[in-house]
Amino acid sequence: MAPVRVALIGLSASAKTSWASGAHLPYLLSSRGQSKYQITALLNSSVEAAEASRATYNLSDKVRLYGDPAALAQDAEVDLVVCNTRVDKHFETIYPSVLAGKAVYSEWPLAANAEEARKLVEAAKQNGGIEKTMVGVQGRLAPISLRVKEIIGSGKIGKVLSSELKFSGGSDNRDTLPEGLSYFYDRKVGGNIYTIGFAHSFDLVQSVLGEAVSAKGHFQLQRPEGKVFNPVTKEALPSIKSDVPDLIITTATLPESPTVQKNATLLVNFHRGQSFPGEPIFVWTINGEKGEIRIISQDSWAVWVLPGNPKKPTIEVHDFASGTVEELGWEYQDWQEELPTPARNVASLYEAFADGKGYPTFEDALKRHEQLDEMIRDWRP
């Protein structure tokens, strides 16, 4: 079978630590990735920027270069368009390709708001089918998520009675941001600690326990003055008035299922920035009839990514009858171990898409957008 021909949107030559280069390229350029995918085009803010990216990452001279989303959409030698831009650029860069009937993989959030996400879903359904879309909520396919789901499915803790997640993060610091992320203070952009940091974990939990119903959010903006700094000089820059909550508490009911009791409760507590010194940054407990699962990440709140080289999160099970606590391991597959940690779960999405099953679509993304919007709809800073 011929490799899927890929166009990357947002592979930056000036930001080598960008998500496209750090989480997508490692798999696409691996021997396993190249057996299934082939990079054939780049779309950047200009053809010149695309040319610089092609040179920076030593891509083939045959990779075509674009500065116009509409022109890319007409390229017959592109099967899959992959979007890695800032979220407020997602819609304008991928909509033409969706209309053209191409397969499209967009990072999460799918769009700056639910209205744009809805338009993308409608366009996909009318031009090629929703199954030709994929969204980057890779936590659903993370080995740690699948392992927890497996433990629950085994009946080891009986039916789930309740679950609680307490974590912090969304940014490295509780009261300041590097200049390049200052847009996190502006809700209308669509990318911030609520829609990214909180939402990724909230999505992961629901992928394991089921889609929460009657979700209610309590929000607070504790630090309305958004401090900004130059990441090179460390110089403080003019502050920005924030309209994004930095404390988010959510309660919801989990859907009844063979593994979840009727009216089981979900509680999520998230605040921006660092955790208390010495305390784990991510603690997720799942209370069952016969036992309790506890997932702990000491130094990375982004358990679906695990950037850098954090201590591996652990899964423990407390058996109520015996009183014993057992640590249950989880592992990446051997081929994933060869990739940097941010690329491993992204690679699982590519693998699922190549297999034609088991991946989240734009329709899944729209459901999450609508859920998040409903929770925060009436909140004002």
Protein backbone atom coordinates (compact mmCIF):
# COMPACT_ATOMS: atom_id res chain seq x y z
CA MET A 1 0.00 0.00 0.00
CA ALA A 2 1.39 3.40 -0.97
CA PRO A 3 2.23 5.80 1.92
CA VAL A 4 -0.30 8.50 2.78
CA ARG A 5 0.94 11.78 1.30
CA VAL A 6 1.11 14.44 4.03
CA ALA A 7 1.11 18.24 4.02
CA LEU A 8 2.30 19.82 7.26
CA ILE A 9 0.90 23.21 8.26
CA GLY A 10 2.94 25.20 10.76
CA LEU A 11 6.34 23.48 10.68
CA SER A 12 8.41 26.45 11.77
CA ALA A 13 12.08 27.04 10.92
CA SER A 14 12.40 29.71 13.59
CA ALA A 15 11.01 27.63 16.45
CA LYS A 16 12.71 24.25 16.46
CA THR A 17 10.98 23.32 19.69
CA SER A 18 7.54 23.77 18.12
CA TRP A 19 4.92 21.04 18.43
CA ALA A 20 5.20 20.15 14.74
CA SER A 21 8.93 19.49 14.93
CA GLY A 22 8.93 17.99 18.41
CA ALA A 23 5.83 15.78 18.31
CA HIS A 24 5.04 15.09 14.64
CA LEU A 25 8.32 14.98 12.72
CA PRO A 26 10.01 12.29 14.83
CA TYR A 27 7.39 9.71 13.87
CA LEU A 28 6.90 10.88 10.29
CA LEU A 29 10.66 10.70 9.66
CA SER A 30 11.13 7.37 11.46
CA SER A 31 11.40 4.18 9.43
CA ARG A 32 8.05 3.03 10.78
CA GLY A 33 6.41 6.35 10.00
CA GLN A 34 7.86 6.51 6.50
CA SER A 35 6.45 3.08 5.71
CA LYS A 36 2.96 4.58 6.15
CA TYR A 37 3.35 8.31 5.50
CA GLN A 38 5.33 10.59 3.19
CA ILE A 39 5.71 14.35 3.65
CA THR A 40 4.95 15.90 0.26
CA ALA A 41 4.07 19.54 1.06
CA LEU A 42 4.46 22.34 3.59
CA LEU A 43 2.16 25.30 4.26
CA ASN A 44 3.51 28.27 6.17
CA SER A 45 2.71 31.98 6.38
CA SER A 46 4.55 32.39 3.07
CA VAL A 47 6.30 30.27 0.47
CA GLU A 48 9.59 31.70 1.73
CA ALA A 49 8.83 30.55 5.27
CA ALA A 50 7.94 27.09 3.97
CA GLU A 51 11.20 26.98 2.02
CA ALA A 52 13.15 27.85 5.18
CA SER A 53 11.40 25.04 7.06
CA ARG A 54 12.14 22.53 4.33
CA ALA A 55 15.83 23.44 4.51
CA THR A 56 15.94 23.52 8.32
CA TYR A 57 14.61 20.00 8.67
CA ASN A 58 16.45 18.59 5.64
CA LEU A 59 13.28 17.56 3.85
CA SER A 60 13.36 16.46 0.23
CA ASP A 61 13.57 19.13 -2.46
CA LYS A 62 10.49 17.44 -3.91
CA VAL A 63 8.40 18.67 -0.95
CA ARG A 64 6.13 21.36 -2.42
CA LEU A 65 5.85 24.75 -0.73
CA TYR A 66 2.75 26.82 -0.07
CA GLY A 67 1.80 30.11 1.54
CA ASP A 68 -1.89 29.92 0.63
CA PRO A 69 -4.30 27.39 2.21
CA ALA A 70 -6.55 27.43 -0.86
CA ALA A 71 -3.66 26.48 -3.13
CA LEU A 72 -2.69 23.60 -0.86
CA ALA A 73 -6.28 22.36 -0.90
CA GLN A 74 -6.05 21.93 -4.68
CA ASP A 75 -2.86 19.84 -4.58
CA ALA A 76 -3.87 16.42 -5.91
CA GLU A 77 -0.70 14.87 -4.49
CA VAL A 78 -1.70 15.54 -0.88
CA ASP A 79 -3.92 13.00 0.90
CA LEU A 80 -3.69 14.21 4.51
CA VAL A 81 -3.33 17.78 5.78
CA VAL A 82 -1.89 18.10 9.31
CA CYS A 83 -2.38 21.39 11.18
CA ASN A 84 0.03 22.55 13.90
CA THR A 85 -0.58 26.30 13.92
CA ARG A 86 -1.76 28.48 16.78
CA VAL A 87 -5.40 27.62 17.41
CA ASP A 88 -6.84 30.86 16.03
CA LYS A 89 -5.29 29.95 12.66
CA HIS A 90 -6.71 26.42 12.51
CA PHE A 91 -9.99 27.25 10.79
CA GLU A 92 -8.58 29.46 8.04
CA THR A 93 -5.76 27.06 7.20
CA ILE A 94 -7.72 23.77 7.10
CA TYR A 95 -11.23 24.77 6.00
CA PRO A 96 -10.29 24.88 2.29
CA SER A 97 -8.83 21.38 2.51
CA VAL A 98 -11.91 20.07 4.31
CA LEU A 99 -14.10 21.56 1.57
CA ALA A 100 -11.85 19.91 -1.03
CA GLY A 101 -12.58 16.51 0.56
CA LYS A 102 -9.07 15.90 1.87
CA ALA A 103 -8.32 14.04 5.06
CA VAL A 104 -7.38 16.52 7.80
CA TYR A 105 -5.66 16.02 11.16
CA SER A 106 -5.86 19.08 13.39
CA GLU A 107 -4.26 19.56 16.74
CA TRP A 108 -6.53 20.29 19.69
CA PRO A 109 -8.33 22.63 20.16
CA LEU A 110 -9.90 22.01 16.78
CA ALA A 111 -10.78 25.70 16.41
CA ALA A 112 -10.92 28.96 18.33
CA ASN A 113 -14.54 28.32 19.31
CA ALA A 114 -17.40 25.84 18.97
CA GLU A 115 -18.94 27.78 16.07
CA GLU A 116 -15.84 27.30 13.91
CA ALA A 117 -15.58 23.67 15.01
CA ARG A 118 -19.21 23.12 13.99
CA LYS A 119 -18.55 24.54 10.52
CA LEU A 120 -15.60 22.19 10.10
CA VAL A 121 -17.71 19.19 11.13
CA GLU A 122 -20.50 20.14 8.74
CA ALA A 123 -18.06 20.69 5.89
CA ALA A 124 -16.36 17.35 6.56
CA LYS A 125 -19.67 15.47 6.54
CA GLN A 126 -20.59 17.05 3.20
CA ASN A 127 -17.15 16.61 1.60
CA GLY A 128 -15.55 13.23 2.07
CA GLY A 129 -16.97 12.15 5.42
CA ILE A 130 -16.21 12.72 9.09
CA GLU A 131 -14.05 9.57 9.11
CA LYS A 132 -11.48 11.51 7.07
CA THR A 133 -10.86 13.82 10.03
CA MET A 134 -8.79 13.40 13.17
CA VAL A 135 -8.12 15.63 16.17
CA GLY A 136 -5.09 15.64 18.45
CA VAL A 137 -6.49 14.47 21.78
CA GLN A 138 -3.78 11.84 21.96
CA GLY A 139 -4.35 11.17 25.65
CA ARG A 140 -7.12 8.79 24.60
CA LEU A 141 -4.51 6.47 23.11
CA ALA A 142 -1.82 6.98 25.76
CA PRO A 143 -0.67 3.65 27.25
CA ILE A 144 -1.37 4.90 30.77
CA SER A 145 -4.99 5.69 29.84
CA LEU A 146 -5.49 2.34 28.15
CA ARG A 147 -3.95 0.54 31.12
CA VAL A 148 -6.28 2.24 33.62
CA LYS A 149 -9.24 1.41 31.40
CA GLU A 150 -8.07 -2.21 31.26
CA ILE A 151 -7.82 -2.43 35.06
CA ILE A 152 -11.35 -1.07 35.47
CA GLY A 153 -12.64 -3.45 32.80
CA SER A 154 -11.08 -6.43 34.58
CA GLY A 155 -13.36 -5.87 37.56
CA LYS A 156 -10.42 -5.53 39.94
CA ILE A 157 -11.99 -2.61 41.83
CA GLY A 158 -15.63 -3.47 41.07
CA LYS A 159 -17.87 -0.80 39.65
CA VAL A 160 -16.62 2.78 39.73
CA LEU A 161 -18.41 4.81 42.42
CA SER A 162 -16.62 8.14 41.99
CA SER A 163 -13.46 9.71 40.64
CA GLU A 164 -11.40 12.77 41.51
CA LEU A 165 -8.59 14.49 39.62
CA LYS A 166 -6.49 17.20 41.25
CA PHE A 167 -3.70 18.77 39.25
CA SER A 168 -1.97 22.02 38.42
CA GLY A 169 -0.14 23.34 35.39
CA GLY A 170 -1.20 24.76 32.06
CA SER A 171 1.85 26.98 32.19
CA ASP A 172 5.22 26.71 33.90
CA ASN A 173 4.53 29.62 36.22
CA ARG A 174 1.42 30.67 38.14
CA ASP A 175 1.68 34.40 37.42
CA THR A 176 3.73 35.03 34.29
CA LEU A 177 4.04 33.80 30.70
CA PRO A 178 6.74 34.04 28.02
CA GLU A 179 5.93 36.58 25.34
CA GLY A 180 5.15 33.90 22.75
CA LEU A 181 2.34 32.51 24.95
CA SER A 182 0.88 35.83 26.08
CA TYR A 183 -2.22 35.07 24.02
CA PHE A 184 -3.13 32.57 26.77
CA TYR A 185 -4.54 35.62 28.59
CA ASP A 186 -7.06 36.29 25.80
CA ARG A 187 -10.04 33.90 25.71
CA LYS A 188 -11.15 34.80 22.20
CA VAL A 189 -7.93 33.37 20.72
CA GLY A 190 -9.13 29.95 21.83
CA GLY A 191 -5.86 28.59 23.21
CA ASN A 192 -5.35 28.91 26.98
CA ILE A 193 -4.99 26.86 30.13
CA TYR A 194 -8.71 26.02 30.12
CA THR A 195 -9.00 24.84 26.52
CA ILE A 196 -5.57 23.15 26.46
CA GLY A 197 -4.15 22.28 29.89
CA PHE A 198 -7.46 21.52 31.59
CA ALA A 199 -9.26 20.19 28.51
CA HIS A 200 -6.64 17.59 27.56
CA SER A 201 -6.81 16.01 31.01
CA PHE A 202 -10.61 16.30 31.19
CA ASP A 203 -10.82 14.54 27.83
CA LEU A 204 -8.43 11.80 28.94
CA VAL A 205 -10.49 11.10 32.08
CA GLN A 206 -13.71 10.86 30.08
CA SER A 207 -12.09 8.57 27.52
CA VAL A 208 -11.52 6.13 30.40
CA LEU A 209 -14.68 6.60 32.48
CA GLY A 210 -17.24 7.70 29.89
CA GLU A 211 -18.65 11.02 28.67
CA ALA A 212 -19.62 13.10 31.70
CA VAL A 213 -23.17 14.44 31.89
CA SER A 214 -24.47 17.50 33.73
CA ALA A 215 -20.96 18.92 33.95
CA LYS A 216 -20.82 22.13 35.97
CA GLY A 217 -17.86 24.46 36.23
CA HIS A 218 -16.83 26.88 38.96
CA PHE A 219 -14.25 29.38 37.76
CA GLN A 220 -12.09 32.06 39.33
CA LEU A 221 -9.53 34.49 37.99
CA GLN A 222 -7.15 34.84 40.91
CA ARG A 223 -4.52 36.91 39.10
CA PRO A 224 -6.19 39.27 36.61
CA GLU A 225 -2.89 41.00 35.84
CA GLY A 226 -1.22 38.83 33.21
CA LYS A 227 2.51 39.26 33.58
CA VAL A 228 4.71 38.71 30.52
CA PHE A 229 8.47 38.29 30.10
CA ASN A 230 11.04 38.03 27.33
CA PRO A 231 12.22 34.40 27.41
CA VAL A 232 15.70 35.35 26.13
CA THR A 233 16.55 38.37 28.29
CA LYS A 234 14.11 37.47 31.14
CA GLU A 235 13.08 41.14 31.06
CA ALA A 236 9.58 41.93 32.30
CA LEU A 237 7.28 43.23 29.56
CA PRO A 238 4.03 45.21 29.87
CA SER A 239 1.28 43.22 31.58
CA ILE A 240 -1.95 42.16 29.89
CA LYS A 241 -5.39 42.10 31.48
CA SER A 242 -6.45 38.46 31.53
CA ASP A 243 -9.99 37.15 31.01
CA VAL A 244 -9.04 33.47 31.38
CA PRO A 245 -9.75 31.65 34.68
CA ASP A 246 -6.76 30.28 36.55
CA LEU A 247 -8.76 28.14 38.99
CA ILE A 248 -11.19 25.61 37.53
CA ILE A 249 -13.35 23.22 39.55
CA THR A 250 -15.71 20.85 37.77
CA THR A 251 -18.34 18.46 39.04
CA ALA A 252 -20.17 16.01 36.80
CA THR A 253 -22.04 12.72 36.74
CA LEU A 254 -20.46 9.76 34.99
CA PRO A 255 -22.66 7.69 32.67
CA GLU A 256 -23.89 4.37 34.03
CA SER A 257 -22.21 1.41 32.34
CA PRO A 258 -21.15 -2.18 33.08
CA THR A 259 -18.13 -0.71 34.90
CA VAL A 260 -19.60 2.51 36.36
CA GLN A 261 -22.36 2.73 38.98
CA LYS A 262 -25.42 4.90 38.34
CA ASN A 263 -24.92 8.53 39.45
CA ALA A 264 -21.18 8.11 40.00
CA THR A 265 -19.53 11.49 40.60
CA LEU A 266 -16.55 13.09 38.86
CA LEU A 267 -14.68 15.97 40.51
CA VAL A 268 -11.83 17.86 38.84
CA ASN A 269 -9.76 20.55 40.58
CA PHE A 270 -7.21 22.43 38.48
CA HIS A 271 -5.18 25.57 39.05
CA ARG A 272 -2.60 27.26 36.91
CA GLY A 273 1.11 27.02 37.65
CA GLN A 274 3.24 25.07 40.07
CA SER A 275 2.13 22.58 42.69
CA PHE A 276 3.06 22.80 46.37
CA PRO A 277 6.78 21.92 46.76
CA GLY A 278 7.26 18.19 47.19
CA GLU A 279 3.68 17.35 46.25
CA PRO A 280 2.83 15.49 43.04
CA ILE A 281 1.51 17.75 40.31
CA PHE A 282 -1.14 15.27 39.10
CA VAL A 283 -3.20 12.90 41.27
CA TRP A 284 -6.16 10.99 39.84
CA THR A 285 -8.15 8.57 42.01
CA ILE A 286 -10.90 6.20 40.90
CA ASN A 287 -12.93 4.81 43.78
CA GLY A 288 -14.61 1.44 43.23
CA GLU A 289 -16.72 -1.04 45.15
CA LYS A 290 -13.77 -3.32 45.93
CA GLY A 291 -10.77 -1.05 45.60
CA GLU A 292 -9.32 2.24 44.47
CA ILE A 293 -6.94 3.21 41.68
CA ARG A 294 -4.52 6.08 42.13
CA ILE A 295 -2.52 7.57 39.25
CA ILE A 296 0.31 9.89 40.29
CA SER A 297 2.60 12.04 38.18
CA GLN A 298 5.21 13.73 40.33
CA ASP A 299 6.50 16.37 37.97
CA SER A 300 4.42 16.49 34.78
CA TRP A 301 0.79 17.58 34.66
CA ALA A 302 0.65 16.70 30.95
CA VAL A 303 0.49 12.92 31.35
CA TRP A 304 -0.68 12.60 27.73
CA VAL A 305 2.63 14.15 26.56
CA LEU A 306 5.25 13.84 29.34
CA PRO A 307 7.53 16.54 27.86
CA GLY A 308 11.20 16.54 28.75
CA ASN A 309 12.27 13.63 30.90
CA PRO A 310 9.86 13.46 33.85
CA LYS A 311 9.57 10.65 36.34
CA LYS A 312 7.24 8.00 34.93
CA PRO A 313 3.69 8.28 36.33
CA THR A 314 2.58 5.37 38.50
CA ILE A 315 -0.63 3.38 38.79
CA GLU A 316 -1.45 1.94 42.23
CA VAL A 317 -4.40 -0.19 43.30
CA HIS A 318 -5.64 -0.44 46.87
CA ASP A 319 -7.55 -3.67 47.49
CA PHE A 320 -10.09 -3.02 50.24
CA ALA A 321 -10.46 -6.65 51.34
CA SER A 322 -6.76 -7.34 51.90
CA GLY A 323 -5.68 -3.80 52.65
CA THR A 324 -2.76 -4.19 50.26
CA VAL A 325 -1.52 -1.60 47.75
CA GLU A 326 -0.10 -2.90 44.48
CA GLU A 327 1.69 -0.94 41.78
CA LEU A 328 0.61 -2.00 38.30
CA GLY A 329 2.99 -1.16 35.49
CA TRP A 330 2.34 0.30 32.07
CA GLU A 331 4.65 0.52 29.09
CA TYR A 332 5.03 2.10 25.69
CA GLN A 333 5.44 -0.26 22.79
CA ASP A 334 9.05 -0.87 21.72
CA TRP A 335 8.71 1.26 18.58
CA GLN A 336 7.33 4.16 20.66
CA GLU A 337 10.32 4.00 23.01
CA GLU A 338 12.52 5.00 20.07
CA LEU A 339 10.70 8.34 19.81
CA PRO A 340 10.92 11.38 22.11
CA THR A 341 8.12 11.30 24.68
CA PRO A 342 5.95 14.08 23.13
CA ALA A 343 5.89 12.14 19.84
CA ARG A 344 4.87 8.76 21.24
CA ASN A 345 1.13 9.26 21.68
CA VAL A 346 0.92 11.47 18.60
CA ALA A 347 2.43 8.53 16.74
CA SER A 348 -0.38 6.33 18.06
CA LEU A 349 -2.87 8.66 16.40
CA TYR A 350 -1.06 8.36 13.08
CA GLU A 351 -1.00 4.58 13.48
CA ALA A 352 -4.73 4.45 14.23
CA PHE A 353 -5.50 6.67 11.24
CA ALA A 354 -3.44 4.45 8.97
CA ASP A 355 -5.39 1.45 10.28
CA GLY A 356 -8.67 3.26 9.68
CA LYS A 357 -10.10 2.84 13.18
CA GLY A 358 -9.87 3.90 16.80
CA TYR A 359 -9.06 7.60 16.35
CA PRO A 360 -10.96 10.71 17.50
CA THR A 361 -12.64 12.73 14.76
CA PHE A 362 -13.72 16.35 14.36
CA GLU A 363 -17.13 15.27 15.66
CA ASP A 364 -15.51 14.15 18.92
CA ALA A 365 -13.74 17.49 19.08
CA LEU A 366 -16.99 19.39 18.61
CA LYS A 367 -18.57 17.51 21.53
CA ARG A 368 -15.68 18.56 23.75
CA HIS A 369 -15.83 22.17 22.52
CA GLU A 370 -19.54 22.30 23.28
CA GLN A 371 -19.05 20.77 26.72
CA LEU A 372 -16.33 23.27 27.63
CA ASP A 373 -18.35 26.18 26.28
CA GLU A 374 -21.44 25.16 28.22
CA MET A 375 -19.48 24.93 31.46
CA ILE A 376 -18.01 28.43 31.19
CA ARG A 377 -20.86 30.16 29.32
CA ASP A 378 -22.16 32.25 32.22
CA TRP A 379 -18.82 33.01 33.87
CA ARG A 380 -17.44 36.53 33.85
CA PRO A 381 -14.05 37.57 35.27
